[in-house]
């Protein structure tokens, strides 16, 4: 008689399959504007680019990773995801 709880589980709520689905949010960064910002800077970080272009950090990070793969920028420092990038001299 000491246990008078209903259901016996505490804390977690049911993860119902019904209900509204979350919409995918896609943020498009203006590539020309971002490239101009990168070329005019000595070095740039993900947060700098996100702040200057007005997009989320994840969008800026994706753009910088793509630019790194294309060879437009190079990684010059940083650690644990907080990297510093520098434009490659043409």
PDB file of N, CA and C in Angstrom:
ATOM      1  N   UNK A   1       0.798  -1.195   0.000  1.00  0.00           N
ATOM      2  CA  UNK A   1       0.000   0.000   0.000  1.00  0.00           C
ATOM      3  C   UNK A   1       0.843   1.262   0.000  1.00  0.00           C
ATOM      4  N   UNK A   2       2.133   1.111   0.222  1.00  0.00           N
ATOM      5  CA  UNK A   2       3.008   2.271   0.250  1.00  0.00           C
ATOM      6  C   UNK A   2       3.188   2.859  -1.153  1.00  0.00           C
ATOM      7  N   UNK A   3       3.132   2.012  -2.201  1.00  0.00           N
ATOM      8  CA  UNK A   3       3.318   2.487  -3.570  1.00  0.00           C
ATOM      9  C   UNK A   3       1.961   2.807  -4.184  1.00  0.00           C
ATOM     10  N   UNK A   4       1.647   4.094  -4.259  1.00  0.00           N
ATOM     11  CA  UNK A   4       0.342   4.497  -4.788  1.00  0.00           C
ATOM     12  C   UNK A   4       0.468   5.212  -6.127  1.00  0.00           C
ATOM     13  N   UNK A   5       1.647   5.138  -6.777  1.00  0.00           N
ATOM     14  CA  UNK A   5       1.842   5.800  -8.066  1.00  0.00           C
ATOM     15  C   UNK A   5       1.107   5.036  -9.155  1.00  0.00           C
ATOM     16  N   UNK A   6       0.652   5.762 -10.139  1.00  0.00           N
ATOM     17  CA  UNK A   6       0.004   5.135 -11.288  1.00  0.00           C
ATOM     18  C   UNK A   6       1.055   4.897 -12.365  1.00  0.00           C
ATOM     19  N   UNK A   7       1.041   3.741 -12.954  1.00  0.00           N
ATOM     20  CA  UNK A   7       1.947   3.445 -14.057  1.00  0.00           C
ATOM     21  C   UNK A   7       3.315   2.975 -13.619  1.00  0.00           C
ATOM     22  N   UNK A   8       3.792   3.371 -12.492  1.00  0.00           N
ATOM     23  CA  UNK A   8       5.061   2.903 -11.970  1.00  0.00           C
ATOM     24  C   UNK A   8       6.290   3.568 -12.568  1.00  0.00           C
ATOM     25  N   UNK A   9       6.172   4.317 -13.661  1.00  0.00           N
ATOM     26  CA  UNK A   9       7.339   4.974 -14.255  1.00  0.00           C
ATOM     27  C   UNK A   9       7.370   6.428 -13.829  1.00  0.00           C
ATOM     28  N   UNK A  10       8.566   6.927 -13.702  1.00  0.00           N
ATOM     29  CA  UNK A  10       8.723   8.308 -13.278  1.00  0.00           C
ATOM     30  C   UNK A  10       9.570   9.054 -14.297  1.00  0.00           C
ATOM     31  N   UNK A  11       9.169  10.255 -14.617  1.00  0.00           N
ATOM     32  CA  UNK A  11      10.026  11.130 -15.395  1.00  0.00           C
ATOM     33  C   UNK A  11       9.759  11.176 -16.884  1.00  0.00           C
ATOM     34  N   UNK A  12       9.946  10.099 -17.614  1.00  0.00           N
ATOM     35  CA  UNK A  12       9.882  10.148 -19.064  1.00  0.00           C
ATOM     36  C   UNK A  12       8.437  10.186 -19.548  1.00  0.00           C
ATOM     37  N   UNK A  13       8.216  11.013 -20.567  1.00  0.00           N
ATOM     38  CA  UNK A  13       6.905  11.091 -21.193  1.00  0.00           C
ATOM     39  C   UNK A  13       6.897  10.184 -22.412  1.00  0.00           C
ATOM     40  N   UNK A  14       5.725   9.807 -22.852  1.00  0.00           N
ATOM     41  CA  UNK A  14       5.604   8.974 -24.040  1.00  0.00           C
ATOM     42  C   UNK A  14       6.031   9.761 -25.271  1.00  0.00           C
ATOM     43  N   UNK A  15       6.761   9.111 -26.132  1.00  0.00           N
ATOM     44  CA  UNK A  15       7.180   9.716 -27.388  1.00  0.00           C
ATOM     45  C   UNK A  15       6.141   9.341 -28.441  1.00  0.00           C
ATOM     46  N   UNK A  16       5.056  10.063 -28.488  1.00  0.00           N
ATOM     47  CA  UNK A  16       3.956   9.752 -29.392  1.00  0.00           C
ATOM     48  C   UNK A  16       4.358   9.882 -30.843  1.00  0.00           C
ATOM     49  N   UNK A  17       3.827   8.981 -31.665  1.00  0.00           N
ATOM     50  CA  UNK A  17       4.136   9.024 -33.086  1.00  0.00           C
ATOM     51  C   UNK A  17       3.289  10.066 -33.794  1.00  0.00           C
ATOM     52  N   UNK A  18       2.163  10.416 -33.224  1.00  0.00           N
ATOM     53  CA  UNK A  18       1.286  11.402 -33.842  1.00  0.00           C
ATOM     54  C   UNK A  18       1.777  12.803 -33.579  1.00  0.00           C
ATOM     55  N   UNK A  19       1.020  13.752 -34.030  1.00  0.00           N
ATOM     56  CA  UNK A  19       1.361  15.139 -33.782  1.00  0.00           C
ATOM     57  C   UNK A  19       2.095  15.758 -34.945  1.00  0.00           C
ATOM     58  N   UNK A  20       2.333  17.040 -34.868  1.00  0.00           N
ATOM     59  CA  UNK A  20       2.989  17.726 -35.984  1.00  0.00           C
ATOM     60  C   UNK A  20       4.459  17.339 -36.098  1.00  0.00           C
ATOM     61  N   UNK A  21       4.916  17.259 -37.324  1.00  0.00           N
ATOM     62  CA  UNK A  21       6.321  16.946 -37.568  1.00  0.00           C
ATOM     63  C   UNK A  21       7.110  18.240 -37.608  1.00  0.00           C
ATOM     64  N   UNK A  22       8.368  18.162 -37.196  1.00  0.00           N
ATOM     65  CA  UNK A  22       9.227  19.337 -37.236  1.00  0.00           C
ATOM     66  C   UNK A  22       9.623  19.617 -38.680  1.00  0.00           C
ATOM     67  N   UNK A  23       9.563  20.863 -39.049  1.00  0.00           N
ATOM     68  CA  UNK A  23       9.947  21.255 -40.399  1.00  0.00           C
ATOM     69  C   UNK A  23      11.462  21.363 -40.482  1.00  0.00           C
ATOM     70  N   UNK A  24      12.001  20.945 -41.616  1.00  0.00           N
ATOM     71  CA  UNK A  24      13.438  21.094 -41.818  1.00  0.00           C
ATOM     72  C   UNK A  24      13.723  22.551 -42.128  1.00  0.00           C
ATOM     73  N   UNK A  25      14.708  23.087 -41.454  1.00  0.00           N
ATOM     74  CA  UNK A  25      15.079  24.477 -41.669  1.00  0.00           C
ATOM     75  C   UNK A  25      16.372  24.497 -42.465  1.00  0.00           C
ATOM     76  N   UNK A  26      16.313  25.111 -43.621  1.00  0.00           N
ATOM     77  CA  UNK A  26      17.522  25.236 -44.422  1.00  0.00           C
ATOM     78  C   UNK A  26      17.873  26.711 -44.526  1.00  0.00           C
ATOM     79  N   UNK A  27      19.087  27.012 -44.183  1.00  0.00           N
ATOM     80  CA  UNK A  27      19.563  28.387 -44.252  1.00  0.00           C
ATOM     81  C   UNK A  27      20.580  28.447 -45.374  1.00  0.00           C
ATOM     82  N   UNK A  28      20.345  29.345 -46.303  1.00  0.00           N
ATOM     83  CA  UNK A  28      21.250  29.475 -47.436  1.00  0.00           C
ATOM     84  C   UNK A  28      22.135  30.691 -47.200  1.00  0.00           C
ATOM     85  N   UNK A  29      23.410  30.440 -47.248  1.00  0.00           N
ATOM     86  CA  UNK A  29      24.369  31.524 -47.052  1.00  0.00           C
ATOM     87  C   UNK A  29      24.673  32.129 -48.422  1.00  0.00           C
ATOM     88  N   UNK A  30      24.759  33.429 -48.488  1.00  0.00           N
ATOM     89  CA  UNK A  30      25.096  34.113 -49.728  1.00  0.00           C
ATOM     90  C   UNK A  30      26.579  33.862 -50.000  1.00  0.00           C
ATOM     91  N   UNK A  31      26.851  32.997 -50.969  1.00  0.00           N
ATOM     92  CA  UNK A  31      28.230  32.558 -51.204  1.00  0.00           C
ATOM     93  C   UNK A  31      29.141  33.692 -51.651  1.00  0.00           C
ATOM     94  N   UNK A  32      28.626  34.609 -52.452  1.00  0.00           N
ATOM     95  CA  UNK A  32      29.459  35.725 -52.911  1.00  0.00           C
ATOM     96  C   UNK A  32      29.843  36.624 -51.741  1.00  0.00           C
ATOM     97  N   UNK A  33      28.865  36.903 -50.888  1.00  0.00           N
ATOM     98  CA  UNK A  33      29.128  37.753 -49.719  1.00  0.00           C
ATOM     99  C   UNK A  33      30.118  37.075 -48.778  1.00  0.00           C
ATOM    100  N   UNK A  34      29.915  35.778 -48.533  1.00  0.00           N
ATOM    101  CA  UNK A  34      30.799  35.042 -47.631  1.00  0.00           C
ATOM    102  C   UNK A  34      32.215  34.958 -48.198  1.00  0.00           C
ATOM    103  N   UNK A  35      32.330  34.724 -49.495  1.00  0.00           N
ATOM    104  CA  UNK A  35      33.652  34.655 -50.122  1.00  0.00           C
ATOM    105  C   UNK A  35      34.374  35.991 -50.022  1.00  0.00           C
ATOM    106  N   UNK A  36      33.633  37.076 -50.190  1.00  0.00           N
ATOM    107  CA  UNK A  36      34.225  38.414 -50.086  1.00  0.00           C
ATOM    108  C   UNK A  36      34.722  38.672 -48.665  1.00  0.00           C
ATOM    109  N   UNK A  37      33.934  38.257 -47.671  1.00  0.00           N
ATOM    110  CA  UNK A  37      34.322  38.427 -46.266  1.00  0.00           C
ATOM    111  C   UNK A  37      35.589  37.628 -45.969  1.00  0.00           C
ATOM    112  N   UNK A  38      35.635  36.395 -46.472  1.00  0.00           N
ATOM    113  CA  UNK A  38      36.791  35.530 -46.224  1.00  0.00           C
ATOM    114  C   UNK A  38      38.049  36.105 -46.881  1.00  0.00           C
ATOM    115  N   UNK A  39      37.933  36.551 -48.131  1.00  0.00           N
ATOM    116  CA  UNK A  39      39.100  37.068 -48.852  1.00  0.00           C
ATOM    117  C   UNK A  39      39.631  38.366 -48.249  1.00  0.00           C
ATOM    118  N   UNK A  40      38.760  39.158 -47.623  1.00  0.00           N
ATOM    119  CA  UNK A  40      39.185  40.432 -47.035  1.00  0.00           C
ATOM    120  C   UNK A  40      39.753  40.280 -45.627  1.00  0.00           C
ATOM    121  N   UNK A  41      39.629  39.099 -45.041  1.00  0.00           N
ATOM    122  CA  UNK A  41      40.103  38.884 -43.675  1.00  0.00           C
ATOM    123  C   UNK A  41      41.452  38.173 -43.693  1.00  0.00           C
ATOM    124  N   UNK A  42      42.287  38.481 -42.701  1.00  0.00           N
ATOM    125  CA  UNK A  42      43.548  37.743 -42.558  1.00  0.00           C
ATOM    126  C   UNK A  42      43.244  36.312 -42.148  1.00  0.00           C
ATOM    127  N   UNK A  43      42.422  36.162 -41.114  1.00  0.00           N
ATOM    128  CA  UNK A  43      41.955  34.854 -40.654  1.00  0.00           C
ATOM    129  C   UNK A  43      40.480  34.993 -40.300  1.00  0.00           C
ATOM    130  N   UNK A  44      39.780  33.859 -40.273  1.00  0.00           N
ATOM    131  CA  UNK A  44      38.358  33.894 -39.931  1.00  0.00           C
ATOM    132  C   UNK A  44      37.984  32.622 -39.186  1.00  0.00           C
ATOM    133  N   UNK A  45      37.042  32.757 -38.280  1.00  0.00           N
ATOM    134  CA  UNK A  45      36.510  31.605 -37.557  1.00  0.00           C
ATOM    135  C   UNK A  45      35.062  31.400 -37.976  1.00  0.00           C
ATOM    136  N   UNK A  46      34.507  30.282 -37.563  1.00  0.00           N
ATOM    137  CA  UNK A  46      33.114  29.973 -37.872  1.00  0.00           C
ATOM    138  C   UNK A  46      32.196  31.044 -37.291  1.00  0.00           C
ATOM    139  N   UNK A  47      32.470  31.442 -36.068  1.00  0.00           N
ATOM    140  CA  UNK A  47      31.616  32.428 -35.404  1.00  0.00           C
ATOM    141  C   UNK A  47      31.715  33.798 -36.074  1.00  0.00           C
ATOM    142  N   UNK A  48      32.906  34.172 -36.519  1.00  0.00           N
ATOM    143  CA  UNK A  48      33.067  35.441 -37.235  1.00  0.00           C
ATOM    144  C   UNK A  48      32.212  35.459 -38.502  1.00  0.00           C
ATOM    145  N   UNK A  49      32.304  34.387 -39.278  1.00  0.00           N
ATOM    146  CA  UNK A  49      31.554  34.316 -40.531  1.00  0.00           C
ATOM    147  C   UNK A  49      30.050  34.316 -40.273  1.00  0.00           C
ATOM    148  N   UNK A  50      29.618  33.574 -39.267  1.00  0.00           N
ATOM    149  CA  UNK A  50      28.190  33.525 -38.941  1.00  0.00           C
ATOM    150  C   UNK A  50      27.678  34.899 -38.527  1.00  0.00           C
ATOM    151  N   UNK A  51      28.446  35.597 -37.730  1.00  0.00           N
ATOM    152  CA  UNK A  51      28.040  36.923 -37.250  1.00  0.00           C
ATOM    153  C   UNK A  51      27.968  37.921 -38.404  1.00  0.00           C
ATOM    154  N   UNK A  52      28.960  37.885 -39.294  1.00  0.00           N
ATOM    155  CA  UNK A  52      29.021  38.869 -40.375  1.00  0.00           C
ATOM    156  C   UNK A  52      28.012  38.609 -41.488  1.00  0.00           C
ATOM    157  N   UNK A  53      27.639  37.346 -41.704  1.00  0.00           N
ATOM    158  CA  UNK A  53      26.673  37.034 -42.758  1.00  0.00           C
ATOM    159  C   UNK A  53      25.251  36.926 -42.238  1.00  0.00           C
ATOM    160  N   UNK A  54      25.089  36.828 -40.920  1.00  0.00           N
ATOM    161  CA  UNK A  54      23.751  36.764 -40.340  1.00  0.00           C
ATOM    162  C   UNK A  54      23.091  35.405 -40.452  1.00  0.00           C
ATOM    163  N   UNK A  55      23.885  34.334 -40.473  1.00  0.00           N
ATOM    164  CA  UNK A  55      23.332  32.979 -40.525  1.00  0.00           C
ATOM    165  C   UNK A  55      23.727  32.228 -39.262  1.00  0.00           C
ATOM    166  N   UNK A  56      23.181  31.031 -39.110  1.00  0.00           N
ATOM    167  CA  UNK A  56      23.518  30.211 -37.953  1.00  0.00           C
ATOM    168  C   UNK A  56      24.945  29.689 -38.082  1.00  0.00           C
ATOM    169  N   UNK A  57      25.507  29.333 -36.947  1.00  0.00           N
ATOM    170  CA  UNK A  57      26.882  28.823 -36.909  1.00  0.00           C
ATOM    171  C   UNK A  57      26.999  27.542 -37.732  1.00  0.00           C
ATOM    172  N   UNK A  58      25.976  26.708 -37.708  1.00  0.00           N
ATOM    173  CA  UNK A  58      26.028  25.453 -38.456  1.00  0.00           C
ATOM    174  C   UNK A  58      26.117  25.708 -39.960  1.00  0.00           C
ATOM    175  N   UNK A  59      25.405  26.715 -40.457  1.00  0.00           N
ATOM    176  CA  UNK A  59      25.461  27.048 -41.884  1.00  0.00           C
ATOM    177  C   UNK A  59      26.835  27.607 -42.247  1.00  0.00           C
ATOM    178  N   UNK A  60      27.383  28.449 -41.388  1.00  0.00           N
ATOM    179  CA  UNK A  60      28.713  29.006 -41.634  1.00  0.00           C
ATOM    180  C   UNK A  60      29.768  27.906 -41.597  1.00  0.00           C
ATOM    181  N   UNK A  61      29.619  26.968 -40.668  1.00  0.00           N
ATOM    182  CA  UNK A  61      30.565  25.856 -40.555  1.00  0.00           C
ATOM    183  C   UNK A  61      30.529  24.989 -41.811  1.00  0.00           C
ATOM    184  N   UNK A  62      29.335  24.737 -42.313  1.00  0.00           N
ATOM    185  CA  UNK A  62      29.195  23.935 -43.527  1.00  0.00           C
ATOM    186  C   UNK A  62      29.861  24.637 -44.711  1.00  0.00           C
ATOM    187  N   UNK A  63      29.655  25.937 -44.823  1.00  0.00           N
ATOM    188  CA  UNK A  63      30.264  26.702 -45.910  1.00  0.00           C
ATOM    189  C   UNK A  63      31.789  26.667 -45.816  1.00  0.00           C
ATOM    190  N   UNK A  64      32.325  26.827 -44.607  1.00  0.00           N
ATOM    191  CA  UNK A  64      33.780  26.807 -44.439  1.00  0.00           C
ATOM    192  C   UNK A  64      34.359  25.428 -44.755  1.00  0.00           C
ATOM    193  N   UNK A  65      33.650  24.369 -44.360  1.00  0.00           N
ATOM    194  CA  UNK A  65      34.129  23.016 -44.677  1.00  0.00           C
ATOM    195  C   UNK A  65      34.132  22.776 -46.184  1.00  0.00           C
ATOM    196  N   UNK A  66      33.090  23.265 -46.879  1.00  0.00           N
ATOM    197  CA  UNK A  66      33.049  23.122 -48.335  1.00  0.00           C
ATOM    198  C   UNK A  66      34.168  23.926 -48.993  1.00  0.00           C
ATOM    199  N   UNK A  67      34.426  25.117 -48.476  1.00  0.00           N
ATOM    200  CA  UNK A  67      35.506  25.951 -49.014  1.00  0.00           C
ATOM    201  C   UNK A  67      36.865  25.299 -48.779  1.00  0.00           C
ATOM    202  N   UNK A  68      37.008  24.626 -47.646  1.00  0.00           N
ATOM    203  CA  UNK A  68      38.250  23.917 -47.335  1.00  0.00           C
ATOM    204  C   UNK A  68      38.471  22.775 -48.324  1.00  0.00           C
ATOM    205  N   UNK A  69      37.396  22.045 -48.649  1.00  0.00           N
ATOM    206  CA  UNK A  69      37.501  20.942 -49.607  1.00  0.00           C
ATOM    207  C   UNK A  69      37.838  21.450 -51.009  1.00  0.00           C
ATOM    208  N   UNK A  70      37.312  22.624 -51.362  1.00  0.00           N
ATOM    209  CA  UNK A  70      37.576  23.205 -52.682  1.00  0.00           C
ATOM    210  C   UNK A  70      38.961  23.832 -52.768  1.00  0.00           C
ATOM    211  N   UNK A  71      39.605  24.041 -51.624  1.00  0.00           N
ATOM    212  CA  UNK A  71      40.938  24.625 -51.607  1.00  0.00           C
ATOM    213  C   UNK A  71      40.948  26.142 -51.585  1.00  0.00           C
ATOM    214  N   UNK A  72      39.812  26.759 -51.252  1.00  0.00           N
ATOM    215  CA  UNK A  72      39.743  28.220 -51.197  1.00  0.00           C
ATOM    216  C   UNK A  72      40.339  28.770 -49.911  1.00  0.00           C
ATOM    217  N   UNK A  73      40.297  27.963 -48.848  1.00  0.00           N
ATOM    218  CA  UNK A  73      40.851  28.359 -47.555  1.00  0.00           C
ATOM    219  C   UNK A  73      41.689  27.213 -47.016  1.00  0.00           C
ATOM    220  N   UNK A  74      42.501  27.515 -46.008  1.00  0.00           N
ATOM    221  CA  UNK A  74      43.267  26.463 -45.341  1.00  0.00           C
ATOM    222  C   UNK A  74      43.130  26.638 -43.837  1.00  0.00           C
ATOM    223  N   UNK A  75      43.247  25.532 -43.133  1.00  0.00           N
ATOM    224  CA  UNK A  75      43.147  25.532 -41.677  1.00  0.00           C
ATOM    225  C   UNK A  75      44.515  25.883 -41.109  1.00  0.00           C
ATOM    226  N   UNK A  76      44.581  26.925 -40.281  1.00  0.00           N
ATOM    227  CA  UNK A  76      45.876  27.363 -39.765  1.00  0.00           C
ATOM    228  C   UNK A  76      46.013  27.209 -38.257  1.00  0.00           C
ATOM    229  N   UNK A  77      44.954  26.868 -37.570  1.00  0.00           N
ATOM    230  CA  UNK A  77      45.056  26.725 -36.124  1.00  0.00           C
ATOM    231  C   UNK A  77      43.731  26.322 -35.523  1.00  0.00           C
ATOM    232  N   UNK A  78      43.719  26.294 -34.209  1.00  0.00           N
ATOM    233  CA  UNK A  78      42.504  25.952 -33.490  1.00  0.00           C
ATOM    234  C   UNK A  78      42.534  24.533 -32.976  1.00  0.00           C
ATOM    235  N   UNK A  79      41.473  24.159 -32.299  1.00  0.00           N
ATOM    236  CA  UNK A  79      41.381  22.841 -31.695  1.00  0.00           C
ATOM    237  C   UNK A  79      39.921  22.489 -31.455  1.00  0.00           C
ATOM    238  N   UNK A  80      39.618  21.224 -31.430  1.00  0.00           N
ATOM    239  CA  UNK A  80      38.326  20.686 -31.006  1.00  0.00           C
ATOM    240  C   UNK A  80      37.131  21.371 -31.664  1.00  0.00           C
ATOM    241  N   UNK A  81      37.195  21.558 -32.969  1.00  0.00           N
ATOM    242  CA  UNK A  81      36.072  22.157 -33.674  1.00  0.00           C
ATOM    243  C   UNK A  81      36.107  23.666 -33.755  1.00  0.00           C
ATOM    244  N   UNK A  82      36.982  24.302 -33.009  1.00  0.00           N
ATOM    245  CA  UNK A  82      37.106  25.762 -33.026  1.00  0.00           C
ATOM    246  C   UNK A  82      38.335  26.131 -33.852  1.00  0.00           C
ATOM    247  N   UNK A  83      38.193  25.987 -35.156  1.00  0.00           N
ATOM    248  CA  UNK A  83      39.342  26.163 -36.030  1.00  0.00           C
ATOM    249  C   UNK A  83      39.437  27.584 -36.566  1.00  0.00           C
ATOM    250  N   UNK A  84      40.637  27.932 -36.975  1.00  0.00           N
ATOM    251  CA  UNK A  84      40.915  29.225 -37.577  1.00  0.00           C
ATOM    252  C   UNK A  84      41.309  28.956 -39.025  1.00  0.00           C
ATOM    253  N   UNK A  85      40.669  29.671 -39.931  1.00  0.00           N
ATOM    254  CA  UNK A  85      40.912  29.481 -41.356  1.00  0.00           C
ATOM    255  C   UNK A  85      41.543  30.734 -41.945  1.00  0.00           C
ATOM    256  N   UNK A  86      42.309  30.520 -43.026  1.00  0.00           N
ATOM    257  CA  UNK A  86      42.971  31.614 -43.712  1.00  0.00           C
ATOM    258  C   UNK A  86      42.734  31.436 -45.210  1.00  0.00           C
ATOM    259  N   UNK A  87      42.436  32.528 -45.915  1.00  0.00           N
ATOM    260  CA  UNK A  87      42.247  32.393 -47.364  1.00  0.00           C
ATOM    261  C   UNK A  87      43.558  32.012 -48.047  1.00  0.00           C
ATOM    262  N   UNK A  88      43.453  31.178 -49.076  1.00  0.00           N
ATOM    263  CA  UNK A  88      44.630  30.760 -49.831  1.00  0.00           C
ATOM    264  C   UNK A  88      44.955  31.856 -50.831  1.00  0.00           C
ATOM    265  N   UNK A  89      46.215  32.253 -50.884  1.00  0.00           N
ATOM    266  CA  UNK A  89      46.644  33.293 -51.829  1.00  0.00           C
ATOM    267  C   UNK A  89      46.604  32.748 -53.240  1.00  0.00           C
ATOM    268  N   UNK A  90      46.032  33.519 -54.142  1.00  0.00           N
ATOM    269  CA  UNK A  90      45.931  33.070 -55.534  1.00  0.00           C
ATOM    270  C   UNK A  90      47.150  33.462 -56.321  1.00  0.00           C
TER     271      UNK A  90
END
